[in-house]
Protein backbone atom coordinates (compact mmCIF):
# COMPACT_ATOMS: atom_id res chain seq x y z
CA UNK A 1 -29.29 -10.40 -13.06
CA UNK A 2 -31.47 -8.15 -10.81
CA UNK A 3 -35.15 -8.99 -11.11
CA UNK A 4 -37.78 -6.12 -11.16
CA UNK A 5 -41.56 -7.01 -10.71
CA UNK A 6 -44.55 -5.29 -12.10
CA UNK A 7 -46.32 -5.39 -8.77
CA UNK A 8 -43.73 -5.69 -6.03
CA UNK A 9 -45.23 -6.67 -2.67
CA UNK A 10 -43.09 -3.97 -0.76
CA UNK A 11 -45.15 -2.21 1.80
CA UNK A 12 -42.27 -0.33 3.50
CA UNK A 13 -38.51 0.20 2.87
CA UNK A 14 -36.07 1.55 5.54
CA UNK A 15 -32.45 2.40 5.48
CA UNK A 16 -30.71 3.09 8.86
CA UNK A 17 -27.33 4.54 9.07
CA UNK A 18 -25.70 4.95 12.45
CA UNK A 19 -22.48 7.08 12.70
CA UNK A 20 -19.67 6.53 15.15
CA UNK A 21 -18.96 10.21 15.69
CA UNK A 22 -20.24 13.75 14.84
CA UNK A 23 -21.35 16.89 16.63
CA UNK A 24 -24.85 17.10 17.93
CA UNK A 25 -26.75 19.86 19.60
CA UNK A 26 -30.30 21.58 19.54
CA UNK A 27 -29.57 23.42 16.16
CA UNK A 28 -28.58 20.42 14.20
CA UNK A 29 -32.02 19.38 12.99
CA UNK A 30 -32.64 22.88 11.78
CA UNK A 31 -29.31 22.69 9.75
CA UNK A 32 -30.21 19.30 8.31
CA UNK A 33 -33.77 20.46 7.44
CA UNK A 34 -32.44 23.39 5.54
CA UNK A 35 -30.64 21.02 3.32
CA UNK A 36 -33.63 18.83 2.73
CA UNK A 37 -36.74 21.11 3.02
CA UNK A 38 -37.27 21.27 -0.78
CA UNK A 39 -37.56 17.56 -0.93
CA UNK A 40 -39.37 17.05 2.45
CA UNK A 41 -41.57 20.31 2.66
CA UNK A 42 -44.13 19.19 5.26
CA UNK A 43 -43.67 20.53 8.81
CA UNK A 44 -41.18 18.61 10.82
CA UNK A 45 -42.48 16.42 13.54
CA UNK A 46 -40.88 15.17 16.78
CA UNK A 47 -40.62 11.50 17.30
CA UNK A 48 -41.67 10.70 20.87
CA UNK A 49 -40.18 7.82 22.59
CA UNK A 50 -41.17 6.57 25.92
CA UNK A 51 -39.11 4.99 28.71
CA UNK A 52 -39.51 3.77 32.27
CA UNK A 53 -37.81 5.43 35.15
CA UNK A 54 -37.75 4.95 39.04
CA UNK A 55 -37.97 8.22 40.91
CA UNK A 56 -38.07 9.25 44.59
CA UNK A 57 -36.30 7.89 47.56
CA UNK A 58 -35.51 4.23 47.73
CA UNK A 59 -38.45 3.52 50.33
CA UNK A 60 -41.09 5.58 48.25
CA UNK A 61 -39.94 4.89 44.57
CA UNK A 62 -42.47 5.21 41.93
CA UNK A 63 -42.44 4.13 38.40
CA UNK A 64 -42.55 6.87 35.96
CA UNK A 65 -43.11 6.90 32.33
CA UNK A 66 -41.06 9.55 30.59
CA UNK A 67 -41.71 10.72 27.06
CA UNK A 68 -38.77 12.27 25.16
CA UNK A 69 -38.72 13.81 21.61
CA UNK A 70 -35.29 12.45 20.82
CA UNK A 71 -35.69 12.48 16.97
CA UNK A 72 -37.13 14.71 14.27
CA UNK A 73 -38.91 13.41 11.06
CA UNK A 74 -39.12 15.32 7.86
CA UNK A 75 -41.89 14.03 5.46
CA UNK A 76 -43.21 14.41 1.97
CA UNK A 77 -46.37 13.37 0.11
CA UNK A 78 -48.46 12.89 3.34
CA UNK A 79 -45.60 10.65 4.93
CA UNK A 80 -45.09 8.50 1.95
CA UNK A 81 -41.34 9.61 1.95
CA UNK A 82 -39.57 10.35 5.17
CA UNK A 83 -36.21 11.09 6.85
CA UNK A 84 -35.84 10.63 10.64
CA UNK A 85 -32.67 12.07 12.43
CA UNK A 86 -31.37 11.69 15.83
CA UNK A 87 -27.93 11.93 17.47
CA UNK A 88 -25.66 9.98 15.24
CA UNK A 89 -28.43 8.17 13.21
CA UNK A 90 -30.42 8.74 10.16
CA UNK A 91 -33.50 6.77 8.92
CA UNK A 92 -34.73 6.92 5.37
CA UNK A 93 -38.05 5.43 4.53
CA UNK A 94 -40.79 4.93 1.86
CA UNK A 95 -44.16 3.81 3.09
CA UNK A 96 -46.82 2.57 0.57
CA UNK A 97 -46.14 2.33 -3.23
CA UNK A 98 -42.53 1.69 -3.59
CA UNK A 99 -40.52 4.22 -5.71
CA UNK A 100 -37.84 1.83 -7.05
CA UNK A 101 -34.29 1.15 -5.76
CA UNK A 102 -32.71 4.07 -7.76
CA UNK A 103 -35.06 6.64 -6.39
CA UNK A 104 -34.75 5.26 -2.76
CA UNK A 105 -30.93 5.11 -3.12
CA UNK A 106 -31.02 8.82 -4.29
CA UNK A 107 -32.90 9.81 -1.13
CA UNK A 108 -30.64 7.78 1.15
CA UNK A 109 -27.58 9.55 -0.43
CA UNK A 110 -29.08 13.10 -0.04
CA UNK A 111 -30.15 12.53 3.60
CA UNK A 112 -26.84 11.07 4.58
CA UNK A 113 -24.94 13.93 2.85
CA UNK A 114 -27.05 16.56 4.58
CA UNK A 115 -26.46 14.77 8.03
CA UNK A 116 -22.68 14.52 7.41
CA UNK A 117 -22.48 18.19 6.23
CA UNK A 118 -24.16 19.38 9.56
CA UNK A 119 -22.58 17.01 12.04
CA UNK A 120 -19.10 16.39 10.51
CA UNK A 121 -19.45 12.75 10.99
CA UNK A 122 -16.43 10.87 9.53
CA UNK A 123 -17.20 7.17 10.11
CA UNK A 124 -20.19 4.70 10.24
CA UNK A 125 -20.70 2.01 12.94
CA UNK A 126 -23.94 0.38 11.64
CA UNK A 127 -26.08 0.06 8.55
CA UNK A 128 -29.41 -1.60 8.23
CA UNK A 129 -31.39 -2.20 4.92
CA UNK A 130 -34.94 -3.34 5.67
CA UNK A 131 -37.82 -4.32 3.27
CA UNK A 132 -41.28 -5.19 4.58
CA UNK A 133 -43.31 -7.16 2.13
CA UNK A 134 -47.07 -7.71 2.34
CA UNK A 135 -48.33 -10.51 0.31
CA UNK A 136 -52.20 -11.07 0.04
CA UNK A 137 -53.42 -14.57 -1.02
CA UNK A 138 -56.69 -16.41 -1.36
CA UNK A 139 -57.61 -18.23 1.75
CA UNK A 140 -57.82 -21.42 -0.42
CA UNK A 141 -54.37 -21.11 -1.76
CA UNK A 142 -52.57 -23.16 0.99
CA UNK A 143 -50.30 -25.08 1.40
CA UNK A 144 -47.68 -22.38 1.83
CA UNK A 145 -45.11 -24.48 0.12
CA UNK A 146 -46.64 -23.43 -3.20
CA UNK A 147 -45.45 -19.90 -2.73
CA UNK A 148 -42.64 -20.04 -0.12
CA UNK A 149 -39.51 -22.26 -0.09
CA UNK A 150 -39.31 -22.35 3.82
CA UNK A 151 -42.94 -22.31 5.12
CA UNK A 152 -44.01 -23.50 8.55
CA UNK A 153 -45.63 -26.90 8.62
CA UNK A 154 -48.49 -28.25 10.71
CA UNK A 155 -48.07 -31.11 13.13
CA UNK A 156 -48.85 -34.51 11.87
CA UNK A 157 -52.51 -35.06 11.56
CA UNK A 158 -55.60 -33.99 9.63
CA UNK A 159 -55.58 -30.14 9.18
CA UNK A 160 -57.44 -28.07 6.53
CA UNK A 161 -54.73 -25.33 6.58
CA UNK A 162 -52.83 -22.93 8.71
CA UNK A 163 -54.76 -19.98 9.96
CA UNK A 164 -52.11 -17.97 11.58
CA UNK A 165 -48.40 -18.30 12.23
CA UNK A 166 -45.32 -16.29 13.21
CA UNK A 167 -41.60 -17.04 12.73
CA UNK A 168 -38.46 -14.83 13.49
CA UNK A 169 -34.93 -15.87 12.60
CA UNK A 170 -31.61 -14.36 12.79
CA UNK A 171 -28.84 -15.79 10.59
CA UNK A 172 -25.31 -14.70 9.64
CA UNK A 173 -24.25 -14.81 6.01
CA UNK A 174 -21.60 -17.28 5.17
CA UNK A 175 -19.56 -14.97 2.95
CA UNK A 176 -20.28 -11.62 4.58
CA UNK A 177 -20.03 -10.22 8.23
CA UNK A 178 -23.77 -9.31 8.04
CA UNK A 179 -26.78 -10.51 9.62
CA UNK A 180 -30.31 -11.22 8.28
CA UNK A 181 -33.18 -10.76 10.64
CA UNK A 182 -36.31 -12.45 8.91
CA UNK A 183 -39.82 -12.09 10.31
CA UNK A 184 -42.40 -14.20 8.61
CA UNK A 185 -46.06 -14.32 9.61
CA UNK A 186 -49.84 -13.67 9.01
CA UNK A 187 -51.19 -10.05 9.41
CA UNK A 188 -54.67 -8.46 9.72
CA UNK A 189 -56.74 -8.49 6.50
CA UNK A 190 -60.14 -6.95 6.17
CA UNK A 191 -61.41 -9.27 3.32
CA UNK A 192 -62.36 -12.72 4.94
CA UNK A 193 -61.56 -14.45 1.76
CA UNK A 194 -58.03 -13.39 1.68
CA UNK A 195 -54.90 -13.95 3.95
CA UNK A 196 -52.04 -11.46 4.38
CA UNK A 197 -48.61 -12.69 5.01
CA UNK A 198 -45.63 -10.36 5.91
CA UNK A 199 -42.12 -11.11 4.83
CA UNK A 200 -39.93 -8.69 6.78
CA UNK A 201 -36.33 -8.82 5.82
CA UNK A 202 -33.76 -6.69 7.68
CA UNK A 203 -29.87 -6.93 6.63
CA UNK A 204 -27.55 -5.13 9.04
CA UNK A 205 -23.96 -4.88 9.60
CA UNK A 206 -21.85 -3.24 12.32
CA UNK A 207 -18.25 -2.08 12.44
CA UNK A 208 -15.94 -1.62 15.31
CA UNK A 209 -14.43 1.49 16.64
CA UNK A 210 -11.02 0.13 15.73
CA UNK A 211 -12.07 -0.62 12.04
CA UNK A 212 -15.07 1.80 11.35
CA UNK A 213 -16.48 2.21 8.02
CA UNK A 214 -15.42 5.37 6.20
CA UNK A 215 -17.83 7.96 4.57
CA UNK A 216 -16.18 7.07 1.20
CA UNK A 217 -17.20 3.44 1.67
CA UNK A 218 -20.68 4.10 2.84
CA UNK A 219 -22.50 4.23 -0.49
CA UNK A 220 -21.11 0.98 -1.64
CA UNK A 221 -21.96 -0.77 1.66
CA UNK A 222 -25.53 0.21 1.40
CA UNK A 223 -25.71 -1.18 -2.13
CA UNK A 224 -24.10 -4.38 -0.99
CA UNK A 225 -26.56 -4.82 1.78
CA UNK A 226 -29.46 -4.23 -0.45
CA UNK A 227 -28.20 -6.90 -2.83
CA UNK A 228 -28.01 -9.41 0.19
CA UNK A 229 -31.63 -8.40 1.02
CA UNK A 230 -32.76 -8.96 -2.56
CA UNK A 231 -30.89 -12.39 -2.81
CA UNK A 232 -32.59 -13.41 0.65
CA UNK A 233 -36.10 -12.41 -0.74
CA UNK A 234 -35.62 -14.38 -3.91
CA UNK A 235 -34.44 -17.45 -2.01
CA UNK A 236 -37.55 -17.46 0.01
CA UNK A 237 -40.26 -17.37 -2.66
CA UNK A 238 -41.30 -19.74 -5.44
CA UNK A 239 -41.99 -19.16 -9.09
CA UNK A 240 -45.68 -19.37 -8.47
CA UNK A 241 -45.44 -16.31 -6.31
CA UNK A 242 -43.19 -14.54 -8.72
CA UNK A 243 -45.83 -14.99 -11.40
CA UNK A 244 -48.26 -13.22 -9.07
CA UNK A 245 -45.90 -10.23 -8.82
CA UNK A 246 -45.65 -9.84 -12.51
CA UNK A 247 -49.49 -10.19 -13.23
CA UNK A 248 -51.24 -7.15 -14.54
CA UNK A 249 -53.58 -5.67 -11.98
């Protein structure tokens, strides 16, 4: 049975859907925005991406940094909710207080439907469901094994505790052609008596051109990847940490 916490540690949730086809030109963002502007009324903003390029004749080449606005972001509530669109891709995200899966899933569905209606996309090549959790603990609450099932360990010797750490792991699920990208480490924290730990879980699956995911199967695939992410999260934390998520503030 799905577990819901009173105080979930989710700092950001993102769903990415990449399409295998679909029309795209300069008017597409406007068409999509017309469908979403009631839900995302703030002024659309370009997403600037930078890249390196060599320019000039071979003997006099110079490295040039080019900035290109290849995507457009629609937002609501000061950026708390957002949709970012580009050629063949949609990102739906929630930053800050999590709205719950039902609301997030509704926003994913609305954004994807608007994108499909505008571009005519008929198949999907990649979906990613990512949850970034920020967990704040007292400095004196180590060892990490009290709260996490697979924590890093210090070398043999006399150590007071771990100050900082960083781990990144990519694993394939045994019963699903999906990949979990797990990033686990400390983060900045303004309170010197606290330590912040980030548990970033990104579950992705890709489909081939020969066997793409159809639009009719998209919603079920998103739901399944979310379930895999939820199971991965629960497998990495202990009951002591679960109690903290259920404590009253």
